[in-house]
Amino acid sequence: MATPGAAKAKEKALPRSATIKIRNQAPHPSGKVEVAPWIGRIHFVNQDKKEYRLRFFKPDTEPLKGIDILIPAKGRVTVGIKTGDEYHFGVYPSKGDVAALGKGGGPIIN
């Protein structure tokens, strides 16, 4: 069991930001990414020449129940995270609703 001092030390040790690069529609890294709550930012950088939808959804829910954010070709999107947040994400084509073509990652947590 962690003591309050150890919990504060862990919180301070978390990075203020992390970058997830998208290349060929695949996120790198695609596994767990953790940043400090409230001040932490996750930057998604699209290295492809086409736009995608980033779909964020809670664990144990269907991806179609999530929220989509457009990331432009060669563009970037920054997402903030608060205490207790945990999301999975997918990278989908910007047109149509072909969920089977998405490549996912996560979770992103604080």
Protein backbone atom coordinates (compact mmCIF):
# COMPACT_ATOMS: atom_id res chain seq x y z
CA MET A 1 0.00 0.00 0.00
CA ALA A 2 1.41 3.38 -1.00
CA THR A 3 1.79 6.12 1.55
CA PRO A 4 0.55 9.65 0.78
CA GLY A 5 4.16 10.78 0.31
CA ALA A 6 4.81 7.96 -2.15
CA ALA A 7 1.62 8.81 -4.05
CA LYS A 8 2.75 12.45 -4.37
CA ALA A 9 6.20 11.33 -5.51
CA LYS A 10 4.64 9.11 -8.20
CA GLU A 11 2.43 11.98 -9.37
CA LYS A 12 5.45 14.29 -9.61
CA ALA A 13 7.40 11.60 -11.46
CA LEU A 14 4.84 11.33 -14.26
CA PRO A 15 5.77 13.23 -17.42
CA ARG A 16 4.01 16.47 -18.28
CA SER A 17 3.53 15.34 -21.87
CA ALA A 18 3.78 12.39 -24.22
CA THR A 19 3.71 12.17 -28.01
CA ILE A 20 1.94 9.50 -30.05
CA LYS A 21 2.97 9.51 -33.71
CA ILE A 22 0.65 8.19 -36.41
CA ARG A 23 2.32 6.63 -39.45
CA ASN A 24 0.46 4.47 -42.00
CA GLN A 25 -2.65 4.92 -39.81
CA ALA A 26 -0.90 3.12 -36.90
CA PRO A 27 -0.14 4.83 -33.55
CA HIS A 28 3.35 4.59 -32.04
CA PRO A 29 3.53 3.84 -29.19
CA SER A 30 0.30 1.89 -29.27
CA GLY A 31 0.38 0.68 -25.67
CA LYS A 32 -0.15 2.38 -22.34
CA VAL A 33 0.75 6.09 -22.18
CA GLU A 34 0.60 7.87 -18.84
CA VAL A 35 0.96 11.58 -18.06
CA ALA A 36 0.47 13.72 -14.96
CA PRO A 37 -3.16 14.60 -14.21
CA TRP A 38 -4.47 18.09 -14.98
CA ILE A 39 -1.14 19.39 -16.32
CA GLY A 40 -0.41 16.41 -18.56
CA ARG A 41 -0.89 16.61 -22.32
CA ILE A 42 -0.89 13.91 -24.98
CA HIS A 43 0.15 15.10 -28.41
CA PHE A 44 -1.02 13.11 -31.43
CA VAL A 45 1.15 13.85 -34.48
CA ASN A 46 -0.10 12.68 -37.89
CA GLN A 47 2.88 11.96 -40.14
CA ASP A 48 0.69 10.80 -43.04
CA LYS A 49 -0.55 12.86 -45.97
CA LYS A 50 -4.19 12.10 -45.19
CA GLU A 51 -6.50 13.07 -42.36
CA TYR A 52 -7.89 10.62 -39.82
CA ARG A 53 -10.45 10.49 -37.03
CA LEU A 54 -9.13 9.84 -33.55
CA ARG A 55 -11.84 7.99 -31.65
CA PHE A 56 -11.63 8.08 -27.84
CA PHE A 57 -13.68 5.64 -25.78
CA LYS A 58 -13.82 4.34 -22.22
CA PRO A 59 -12.57 0.83 -21.40
CA ASP A 60 -15.22 -1.88 -21.67
CA THR A 61 -17.36 0.16 -24.08
CA GLU A 62 -17.88 -0.12 -27.81
CA PRO A 63 -15.61 2.16 -29.88
CA LEU A 64 -18.67 3.47 -31.76
CA LYS A 65 -19.91 4.98 -28.47
CA GLY A 66 -16.80 7.17 -28.24
CA ILE A 67 -16.07 10.67 -29.49
CA ASP A 68 -14.24 11.44 -32.73
CA ILE A 69 -11.74 14.26 -33.25
CA LEU A 70 -10.34 15.08 -36.67
CA ILE A 71 -6.55 15.12 -37.02
CA PRO A 72 -5.48 16.83 -40.25
CA ALA A 73 -2.91 15.46 -42.68
CA LYS A 74 0.56 16.32 -41.32
CA GLY A 75 -1.25 17.94 -38.37
CA ARG A 76 -1.44 17.49 -34.64
CA VAL A 77 -4.02 17.34 -31.87
CA THR A 78 -3.33 17.80 -28.16
CA VAL A 79 -5.52 16.20 -25.50
CA GLY A 80 -5.49 17.07 -21.80
CA ILE A 81 -6.22 14.50 -19.11
CA LYS A 82 -7.54 14.81 -15.59
CA THR A 83 -7.25 12.67 -12.48
CA GLY A 84 -8.80 9.24 -12.94
CA ASP A 85 -9.20 9.49 -16.73
CA GLU A 86 -8.58 6.38 -18.80
CA TYR A 87 -9.31 6.12 -22.50
CA HIS A 88 -8.55 3.83 -25.36
CA PHE A 89 -8.31 5.29 -28.83
CA GLY A 90 -8.47 4.28 -32.45
CA VAL A 91 -7.21 5.84 -35.67
CA TYR A 92 -9.91 5.65 -38.36
CA PRO A 93 -10.35 6.92 -41.91
CA SER A 94 -11.91 10.37 -41.90
CA LYS A 95 -14.69 9.38 -44.30
CA GLY A 96 -17.25 6.66 -43.71
CA ASP A 97 -17.81 4.57 -40.64
CA VAL A 98 -15.65 1.55 -41.29
CA ALA A 99 -14.74 0.67 -37.71
CA ALA A 100 -13.00 -2.53 -38.79
CA LEU A 101 -10.30 -0.48 -40.54
CA GLY A 102 -9.24 1.38 -37.41
CA LYS A 103 -5.93 0.77 -35.65
CA GLY A 104 -6.05 1.31 -31.94
CA GLY A 105 -3.98 1.97 -28.92
CA GLY A 106 -4.03 2.84 -25.31
CA PRO A 107 -4.98 3.16 -22.68
CA ILE A 108 -4.02 6.77 -22.13
CA ILE A 109 -4.22 7.53 -18.43
CA ASN A 110 -2.99 9.97 -15.82
